[in-house]
């Protein structure tokens, strides 16, 4: 029923942080949809590539450098989503 207690703990830690990126993620989807509707496939692709590069760099910093574990992975994703709006 949802995995082991350890998995449930990690999942709840991840979701508690990751939920803060919902507004940015939704805005990013709207922007990408609009750009695709305007026949511009390059800008959304660049946006996603840069977002993922920021996410990977912050994952390394937060998890490997600062030892934030699951919360670090979630925080990196949150920050990457907001960076995509900039």
PDB file of N, CA and C in Angstrom:
ATOM      1  N   UNK A   1       0.839  -1.201   0.000  1.00  0.00           N
ATOM      2  CA  UNK A   1       0.000   0.000   0.000  1.00  0.00           C
ATOM      3  C   UNK A   1       0.872   1.247   0.000  1.00  0.00           C
ATOM      4  N   UNK A   2       1.546   1.516  -1.106  1.00  0.00           N
ATOM      5  CA  UNK A   2       2.322   2.739  -1.210  1.00  0.00           C
ATOM      6  C   UNK A   2       3.791   2.587  -0.934  1.00  0.00           C
ATOM      7  N   UNK A   3       4.248   1.387  -0.666  1.00  0.00           N
ATOM      8  CA  UNK A   3       5.670   1.186  -0.455  1.00  0.00           C
ATOM      9  C   UNK A   3       6.044   1.095   1.007  1.00  0.00           C
ATOM     10  N   UNK A   4       7.318   0.892   1.219  1.00  0.00           N
ATOM     11  CA  UNK A   4       7.829   0.747   2.586  1.00  0.00           C
ATOM     12  C   UNK A   4       7.764   2.079   3.322  1.00  0.00           C
ATOM     13  N   UNK A   5       7.849   2.038   4.635  1.00  0.00           N
ATOM     14  CA  UNK A   5       7.853   3.297   5.395  1.00  0.00           C
ATOM     15  C   UNK A   5       8.983   4.247   4.977  1.00  0.00           C
ATOM     16  N   UNK A   6      10.124   3.666   4.601  1.00  0.00           N
ATOM     17  CA  UNK A   6      11.249   4.502   4.166  1.00  0.00           C
ATOM     18  C   UNK A   6      10.910   5.233   2.863  1.00  0.00           C
ATOM     19  N   UNK A   7      10.304   4.532   1.926  1.00  0.00           N
ATOM     20  CA  UNK A   7       9.907   5.142   0.661  1.00  0.00           C
ATOM     21  C   UNK A   7       8.854   6.217   0.910  1.00  0.00           C
ATOM     22  N   UNK A   8       7.908   5.937   1.777  1.00  0.00           N
ATOM     23  CA  UNK A   8       6.873   6.919   2.098  1.00  0.00           C
ATOM     24  C   UNK A   8       7.477   8.162   2.737  1.00  0.00           C
ATOM     25  N   UNK A   9       8.477   7.982   3.587  1.00  0.00           N
ATOM     26  CA  UNK A   9       9.154   9.127   4.208  1.00  0.00           C
ATOM     27  C   UNK A   9       9.829   9.989   3.148  1.00  0.00           C
ATOM     28  N   UNK A  10      10.600   9.342   2.255  1.00  0.00           N
ATOM     29  CA  UNK A  10      11.292  10.094   1.202  1.00  0.00           C
ATOM     30  C   UNK A  10      10.303  10.790   0.267  1.00  0.00           C
ATOM     31  N   UNK A  11       9.228  10.098  -0.058  1.00  0.00           N
ATOM     32  CA  UNK A  11       8.224  10.694  -0.947  1.00  0.00           C
ATOM     33  C   UNK A  11       7.575  11.909  -0.304  1.00  0.00           C
ATOM     34  N   UNK A  12       7.256  11.825   0.974  1.00  0.00           N
ATOM     35  CA  UNK A  12       6.622  12.966   1.650  1.00  0.00           C
ATOM     36  C   UNK A  12       7.595  14.136   1.773  1.00  0.00           C
ATOM     37  N   UNK A  13       8.882  13.862   1.997  1.00  0.00           N
ATOM     38  CA  UNK A  13       9.884  14.934   2.049  1.00  0.00           C
ATOM     39  C   UNK A  13       9.994  15.614   0.683  1.00  0.00           C
ATOM     40  N   UNK A  14      10.009  14.807  -0.381  1.00  0.00           N
ATOM     41  CA  UNK A  14      10.129  15.353  -1.728  1.00  0.00           C
ATOM     42  C   UNK A  14       8.924  16.221  -2.080  1.00  0.00           C
ATOM     43  N   UNK A  15       7.740  15.718  -1.840  1.00  0.00           N
ATOM     44  CA  UNK A  15       6.517  16.439  -2.208  1.00  0.00           C
ATOM     45  C   UNK A  15       6.368  17.721  -1.392  1.00  0.00           C
ATOM     46  N   UNK A  16       6.767  17.687  -0.123  1.00  0.00           N
ATOM     47  CA  UNK A  16       6.640  18.869   0.734  1.00  0.00           C
ATOM     48  C   UNK A  16       7.445  20.051   0.192  1.00  0.00           C
ATOM     49  N   UNK A  17       8.563  19.769  -0.441  1.00  0.00           N
ATOM     50  CA  UNK A  17       9.385  20.835  -1.029  1.00  0.00           C
ATOM     51  C   UNK A  17       8.945  21.124  -2.465  1.00  0.00           C
ATOM     52  N   UNK A  18       8.721  20.073  -3.223  1.00  0.00           N
ATOM     53  CA  UNK A  18       8.453  20.204  -4.660  1.00  0.00           C
ATOM     54  C   UNK A  18       7.146  20.936  -4.958  1.00  0.00           C
ATOM     55  N   UNK A  19       6.182  20.879  -4.046  1.00  0.00           N
ATOM     56  CA  UNK A  19       4.881  21.521  -4.279  1.00  0.00           C
ATOM     57  C   UNK A  19       5.027  23.021  -4.504  1.00  0.00           C
ATOM     58  N   UNK A  20       6.091  23.608  -3.972  1.00  0.00           N
ATOM     59  CA  UNK A  20       6.299  25.054  -4.119  1.00  0.00           C
ATOM     60  C   UNK A  20       6.621  25.463  -5.552  1.00  0.00           C
ATOM     61  N   UNK A  21       6.947  24.501  -6.392  1.00  0.00           N
ATOM     62  CA  UNK A  21       7.233  24.856  -7.790  1.00  0.00           C
ATOM     63  C   UNK A  21       6.003  24.767  -8.675  1.00  0.00           C
ATOM     64  N   UNK A  22       4.861  24.405  -8.129  1.00  0.00           N
ATOM     65  CA  UNK A  22       3.649  24.256  -8.950  1.00  0.00           C
ATOM     66  C   UNK A  22       3.316  25.511  -9.750  1.00  0.00           C
ATOM     67  N   UNK A  23       3.326  26.707  -9.152  1.00  0.00           N
ATOM     68  CA  UNK A  23       3.020  27.900  -9.966  1.00  0.00           C
ATOM     69  C   UNK A  23       3.999  28.093 -11.128  1.00  0.00           C
ATOM     70  N   UNK A  24       5.282  27.891 -10.865  1.00  0.00           N
ATOM     71  CA  UNK A  24       6.279  28.062 -11.924  1.00  0.00           C
ATOM     72  C   UNK A  24       6.117  27.001 -12.999  1.00  0.00           C
ATOM     73  N   UNK A  25       5.877  25.762 -12.588  1.00  0.00           N
ATOM     74  CA  UNK A  25       5.716  24.678 -13.562  1.00  0.00           C
ATOM     75  C   UNK A  25       4.505  24.934 -14.453  1.00  0.00           C
ATOM     76  N   UNK A  26       3.411  25.383 -13.868  1.00  0.00           N
ATOM     77  CA  UNK A  26       2.221  25.677 -14.661  1.00  0.00           C
ATOM     78  C   UNK A  26       2.457  26.834 -15.625  1.00  0.00           C
ATOM     79  N   UNK A  27       3.106  27.883 -15.147  1.00  0.00           N
ATOM     80  CA  UNK A  27       3.426  29.020 -16.023  1.00  0.00           C
ATOM     81  C   UNK A  27       4.349  28.582 -17.157  1.00  0.00           C
ATOM     82  N   UNK A  28       5.328  27.746 -16.847  1.00  0.00           N
ATOM     83  CA  UNK A  28       6.232  27.252 -17.885  1.00  0.00           C
ATOM     84  C   UNK A  28       5.476  26.460 -18.940  1.00  0.00           C
ATOM     85  N   UNK A  29       4.519  25.637 -18.519  1.00  0.00           N
ATOM     86  CA  UNK A  29       3.726  24.871 -19.477  1.00  0.00           C
ATOM     87  C   UNK A  29       2.889  25.782 -20.368  1.00  0.00           C
ATOM     88  N   UNK A  30       2.334  26.846 -19.784  1.00  0.00           N
ATOM     89  CA  UNK A  30       1.553  27.803 -20.568  1.00  0.00           C
ATOM     90  C   UNK A  30       2.442  28.500 -21.595  1.00  0.00           C
ATOM     91  N   UNK A  31       3.608  28.936 -21.153  1.00  0.00           N
ATOM     92  CA  UNK A  31       4.533  29.628 -22.057  1.00  0.00           C
ATOM     93  C   UNK A  31       4.979  28.703 -23.183  1.00  0.00           C
ATOM     94  N   UNK A  32       5.338  27.467 -22.836  1.00  0.00           N
ATOM     95  CA  UNK A  32       5.771  26.527 -23.871  1.00  0.00           C
ATOM     96  C   UNK A  32       4.628  26.213 -24.840  1.00  0.00           C
ATOM     97  N   UNK A  33       3.426  26.070 -24.321  1.00  0.00           N
ATOM     98  CA  UNK A  33       2.275  25.821 -25.184  1.00  0.00           C
ATOM     99  C   UNK A  33       2.017  26.975 -26.133  1.00  0.00           C
ATOM    100  N   UNK A  34       2.134  28.191 -25.615  1.00  0.00           N
ATOM    101  CA  UNK A  34       1.936  29.365 -26.467  1.00  0.00           C
ATOM    102  C   UNK A  34       3.005  29.423 -27.557  1.00  0.00           C
ATOM    103  N   UNK A  35       4.259  29.200 -27.162  1.00  0.00           N
ATOM    104  CA  UNK A  35       5.341  29.230 -28.148  1.00  0.00           C
ATOM    105  C   UNK A  35       5.152  28.160 -29.220  1.00  0.00           C
ATOM    106  N   UNK A  36       4.768  26.961 -28.801  1.00  0.00           N
ATOM    107  CA  UNK A  36       4.519  25.898 -29.777  1.00  0.00           C
ATOM    108  C   UNK A  36       3.352  26.257 -30.686  1.00  0.00           C
ATOM    109  N   UNK A  37       2.327  26.893 -30.121  1.00  0.00           N
ATOM    110  CA  UNK A  37       1.194  27.332 -30.921  1.00  0.00           C
ATOM    111  C   UNK A  37       1.575  28.393 -31.931  1.00  0.00           C
ATOM    112  N   UNK A  38       2.599  29.154 -31.626  1.00  0.00           N
ATOM    113  CA  UNK A  38       3.104  30.175 -32.544  1.00  0.00           C
ATOM    114  C   UNK A  38       4.129  29.590 -33.529  1.00  0.00           C
ATOM    115  N   UNK A  39       4.215  28.256 -33.588  1.00  0.00           N
ATOM    116  CA  UNK A  39       5.114  27.540 -34.494  1.00  0.00           C
ATOM    117  C   UNK A  39       6.586  27.730 -34.140  1.00  0.00           C
ATOM    118  N   UNK A  40       6.862  27.992 -32.869  1.00  0.00           N
ATOM    119  CA  UNK A  40       8.238  28.156 -32.398  1.00  0.00           C
ATOM    120  C   UNK A  40       8.589  26.956 -31.519  1.00  0.00           C
ATOM    121  N   UNK A  41       9.231  25.975 -32.113  1.00  0.00           N
ATOM    122  CA  UNK A  41       9.620  24.784 -31.348  1.00  0.00           C
ATOM    123  C   UNK A  41      11.007  24.940 -30.721  1.00  0.00           C
ATOM    124  N   UNK A  42      11.800  25.846 -31.255  1.00  0.00           N
ATOM    125  CA  UNK A  42      13.170  26.010 -30.759  1.00  0.00           C
ATOM    126  C   UNK A  42      13.206  26.606 -29.346  1.00  0.00           C
ATOM    127  N   UNK A  43      12.425  27.627 -29.081  1.00  0.00           N
ATOM    128  CA  UNK A  43      12.460  28.283 -27.767  1.00  0.00           C
ATOM    129  C   UNK A  43      12.061  27.349 -26.624  1.00  0.00           C
ATOM    130  N   UNK A  44      10.983  26.570 -26.755  1.00  0.00           N
ATOM    131  CA  UNK A  44      10.673  25.628 -25.679  1.00  0.00           C
ATOM    132  C   UNK A  44      11.768  24.582 -25.473  1.00  0.00           C
ATOM    133  N   UNK A  45      12.389  24.145 -26.575  1.00  0.00           N
ATOM    134  CA  UNK A  45      13.469  23.172 -26.458  1.00  0.00           C
ATOM    135  C   UNK A  45      14.648  23.767 -25.690  1.00  0.00           C
ATOM    136  N   UNK A  46      15.026  24.991 -26.028  1.00  0.00           N
ATOM    137  CA  UNK A  46      16.120  25.661 -25.327  1.00  0.00           C
ATOM    138  C   UNK A  46      15.750  25.860 -23.864  1.00  0.00           C
ATOM    139  N   UNK A  47      14.507  26.249 -23.624  1.00  0.00           N
ATOM    140  CA  UNK A  47      14.034  26.461 -22.256  1.00  0.00           C
ATOM    141  C   UNK A  47      14.153  25.172 -21.430  1.00  0.00           C
ATOM    142  N   UNK A  48      13.750  24.048 -22.006  1.00  0.00           N
ATOM    143  CA  UNK A  48      13.820  22.774 -21.295  1.00  0.00           C
ATOM    144  C   UNK A  48      15.259  22.318 -21.085  1.00  0.00           C
ATOM    145  N   UNK A  49      16.105  22.519 -22.078  1.00  0.00           N
ATOM    146  CA  UNK A  49      17.514  22.131 -21.932  1.00  0.00           C
ATOM    147  C   UNK A  49      18.169  22.933 -20.824  1.00  0.00           C
ATOM    148  N   UNK A  50      17.965  24.250 -20.825  1.00  0.00           N
ATOM    149  CA  UNK A  50      18.565  25.089 -19.788  1.00  0.00           C
ATOM    150  C   UNK A  50      18.009  24.756 -18.400  1.00  0.00           C
ATOM    151  N   UNK A  51      16.705  24.502 -18.327  1.00  0.00           N
ATOM    152  CA  UNK A  51      16.103  24.134 -17.050  1.00  0.00           C
ATOM    153  C   UNK A  51      16.723  22.858 -16.508  1.00  0.00           C
ATOM    154  N   UNK A  52      16.916  21.881 -17.367  1.00  0.00           N
ATOM    155  CA  UNK A  52      17.498  20.620 -16.931  1.00  0.00           C
ATOM    156  C   UNK A  52      18.972  20.756 -16.559  1.00  0.00           C
ATOM    157  N   UNK A  53      19.700  21.608 -17.261  1.00  0.00           N
ATOM    158  CA  UNK A  53      21.103  21.849 -16.891  1.00  0.00           C
ATOM    159  C   UNK A  53      21.197  22.510 -15.519  1.00  0.00           C
ATOM    160  N   UNK A  54      20.331  23.499 -15.262  1.00  0.00           N
ATOM    161  CA  UNK A  54      20.297  24.142 -13.943  1.00  0.00           C
ATOM    162  C   UNK A  54      19.925  23.115 -12.882  1.00  0.00           C
ATOM    163  N   UNK A  55      18.946  22.281 -13.180  1.00  0.00           N
ATOM    164  CA  UNK A  55      18.512  21.260 -12.233  1.00  0.00           C
ATOM    165  C   UNK A  55      19.658  20.302 -11.899  1.00  0.00           C
ATOM    166  N   UNK A  56      20.380  19.848 -12.912  1.00  0.00           N
ATOM    167  CA  UNK A  56      21.492  18.915 -12.668  1.00  0.00           C
ATOM    168  C   UNK A  56      22.599  19.559 -11.838  1.00  0.00           C
ATOM    169  N   UNK A  57      22.928  20.814 -12.149  1.00  0.00           N
ATOM    170  CA  UNK A  57      23.980  21.501 -11.399  1.00  0.00           C
ATOM    171  C   UNK A  57      23.573  21.692  -9.941  1.00  0.00           C
ATOM    172  N   UNK A  58      22.310  22.091  -9.734  1.00  0.00           N
ATOM    173  CA  UNK A  58      21.843  22.284  -8.357  1.00  0.00           C
ATOM    174  C   UNK A  58      21.696  20.959  -7.617  1.00  0.00           C
ATOM    175  N   UNK A  59      21.318  19.895  -8.326  1.00  0.00           N
ATOM    176  CA  UNK A  59      21.289  18.567  -7.699  1.00  0.00           C
ATOM    177  C   UNK A  59      22.663  18.210  -7.144  1.00  0.00           C
ATOM    178  N   UNK A  60      23.673  18.402  -7.961  1.00  0.00           N
ATOM    179  CA  UNK A  60      25.036  18.093  -7.526  1.00  0.00           C
ATOM    180  C   UNK A  60      25.426  18.941  -6.320  1.00  0.00           C
ATOM    181  N   UNK A  61      25.113  20.220  -6.357  1.00  0.00           N
ATOM    182  CA  UNK A  61      25.451  21.103  -5.249  1.00  0.00           C
ATOM    183  C   UNK A  61      24.713  20.720  -3.971  1.00  0.00           C
ATOM    184  N   UNK A  62      23.396  20.588  -4.078  1.00  0.00           N
ATOM    185  CA  UNK A  62      22.576  20.358  -2.887  1.00  0.00           C
ATOM    186  C   UNK A  62      22.739  18.954  -2.305  1.00  0.00           C
ATOM    187  N   UNK A  63      22.842  17.948  -3.175  1.00  0.00           N
ATOM    188  CA  UNK A  63      22.901  16.572  -2.690  1.00  0.00           C
ATOM    189  C   UNK A  63      24.337  16.166  -2.364  1.00  0.00           C
ATOM    190  N   UNK A  64      25.223  16.341  -3.303  1.00  0.00           N
ATOM    191  CA  UNK A  64      26.604  15.913  -3.085  1.00  0.00           C
ATOM    192  C   UNK A  64      27.395  16.915  -2.242  1.00  0.00           C
ATOM    193  N   UNK A  65      27.191  18.205  -2.513  1.00  0.00           N
ATOM    194  CA  UNK A  65      27.952  19.223  -1.797  1.00  0.00           C
ATOM    195  C   UNK A  65      27.442  19.523  -0.404  1.00  0.00           C
ATOM    196  N   UNK A  66      26.130  19.692  -0.277  1.00  0.00           N
ATOM    197  CA  UNK A  66      25.549  20.100   1.002  1.00  0.00           C
ATOM    198  C   UNK A  66      24.897  18.954   1.773  1.00  0.00           C
ATOM    199  N   UNK A  67      24.729  17.802   1.136  1.00  0.00           N
ATOM    200  CA  UNK A  67      24.162  16.640   1.805  1.00  0.00           C
ATOM    201  C   UNK A  67      22.686  16.756   2.142  1.00  0.00           C
ATOM    202  N   UNK A  68      21.930  17.462   1.313  1.00  0.00           N
ATOM    203  CA  UNK A  68      20.500  17.666   1.593  1.00  0.00           C
ATOM    204  C   UNK A  68      19.628  16.480   1.202  1.00  0.00           C
ATOM    205  N   UNK A  69      20.191  15.481   0.553  1.00  0.00           N
ATOM    206  CA  UNK A  69      19.499  14.251   0.163  1.00  0.00           C
ATOM    207  C   UNK A  69      18.238  14.529  -0.654  1.00  0.00           C
ATOM    208  N   UNK A  70      17.127  13.901  -0.288  1.00  0.00           N
ATOM    209  CA  UNK A  70      15.893  14.015  -1.078  1.00  0.00           C
ATOM    210  C   UNK A  70      15.397  15.452  -1.123  1.00  0.00           C
ATOM    211  N   UNK A  71      15.495  16.154  -0.032  1.00  0.00           N
ATOM    212  CA  UNK A  71      15.064  17.555  -0.023  1.00  0.00           C
ATOM    213  C   UNK A  71      15.910  18.393  -0.980  1.00  0.00           C
ATOM    214  N   UNK A  72      17.171  18.040  -1.146  1.00  0.00           N
ATOM    215  CA  UNK A  72      18.039  18.738  -2.085  1.00  0.00           C
ATOM    216  C   UNK A  72      17.626  18.524  -3.525  1.00  0.00           C
ATOM    217  N   UNK A  73      17.222  17.303  -3.838  1.00  0.00           N
ATOM    218  CA  UNK A  73      16.736  17.007  -5.187  1.00  0.00           C
ATOM    219  C   UNK A  73      15.483  17.833  -5.474  1.00  0.00           C
ATOM    220  N   UNK A  74      14.577  17.867  -4.510  1.00  0.00           N
ATOM    221  CA  UNK A  74      13.343  18.636  -4.687  1.00  0.00           C
ATOM    222  C   UNK A  74      13.629  20.130  -4.782  1.00  0.00           C
ATOM    223  N   UNK A  75      14.508  20.639  -3.931  1.00  0.00           N
ATOM    224  CA  UNK A  75      14.841  22.064  -3.953  1.00  0.00           C
ATOM    225  C   UNK A  75      15.487  22.451  -5.277  1.00  0.00           C
ATOM    226  N   UNK A  76      16.324  21.599  -5.814  1.00  0.00           N
ATOM    227  CA  UNK A  76      16.951  21.875  -7.109  1.00  0.00           C
ATOM    228  C   UNK A  76      15.888  21.971  -8.201  1.00  0.00           C
ATOM    229  N   UNK A  77      14.914  21.094  -8.165  1.00  0.00           N
ATOM    230  CA  UNK A  77      13.844  21.132  -9.166  1.00  0.00           C
ATOM    231  C   UNK A  77      13.001  22.394  -9.034  1.00  0.00           C
ATOM    232  N   UNK A  78      12.721  22.791  -7.801  1.00  0.00           N
ATOM    233  CA  UNK A  78      11.952  24.016  -7.566  1.00  0.00           C
ATOM    234  C   UNK A  78      12.697  25.224  -8.133  1.00  0.00           C
ATOM    235  N   UNK A  79      13.969  25.325  -7.802  1.00  0.00           N
ATOM    236  CA  UNK A  79      14.750  26.471  -8.264  1.00  0.00           C
ATOM    237  C   UNK A  79      14.905  26.472  -9.778  1.00  0.00           C
ATOM    238  N   UNK A  80      15.065  25.308 -10.370  1.00  0.00           N
ATOM    239  CA  UNK A  80      15.191  25.228 -11.827  1.00  0.00           C
ATOM    240  C   UNK A  80      13.902  25.680 -12.505  1.00  0.00           C
ATOM    241  N   UNK A  81      12.756  25.295 -11.945  1.00  0.00           N
ATOM    242  CA  UNK A  81      11.479  25.724 -12.531  1.00  0.00           C
ATOM    243  C   UNK A  81      11.326  27.243 -12.482  1.00  0.00           C
ATOM    244  N   UNK A  82      11.726  27.853 -11.375  1.00  0.00           N
ATOM    245  CA  UNK A  82      11.621  29.315 -11.284  1.00  0.00           C
ATOM    246  C   UNK A  82      12.667  30.010 -12.159  1.00  0.00           C
ATOM    247  N   UNK A  83      13.835  29.399 -12.319  1.00  0.00           N
ATOM    248  CA  UNK A  83      14.844  29.969 -13.221  1.00  0.00           C
ATOM    249  C   UNK A  83      14.341  29.984 -14.662  1.00  0.00           C
ATOM    250  N   UNK A  84      13.539  29.000 -15.015  1.00  0.00           N
ATOM    251  CA  UNK A  84      13.002  28.943 -16.377  1.00  0.00           C
ATOM    252  C   UNK A  84      12.091  30.128 -16.670  1.00  0.00           C
ATOM    253  N   UNK A  85      11.500  30.701 -15.644  1.00  0.00           N
ATOM    254  CA  UNK A  85      10.625  31.864 -15.847  1.00  0.00           C
ATOM    255  C   UNK A  85      11.407  33.159 -16.048  1.00  0.00           C
ATOM    256  N   UNK A  86      12.654  33.162 -15.653  1.00  0.00           N
ATOM    257  CA  UNK A  86      13.458  34.381 -15.728  1.00  0.00           C
ATOM    258  C   UNK A  86      13.833  34.736 -17.158  1.00  0.00           C
TER     259      UNK A  86
END
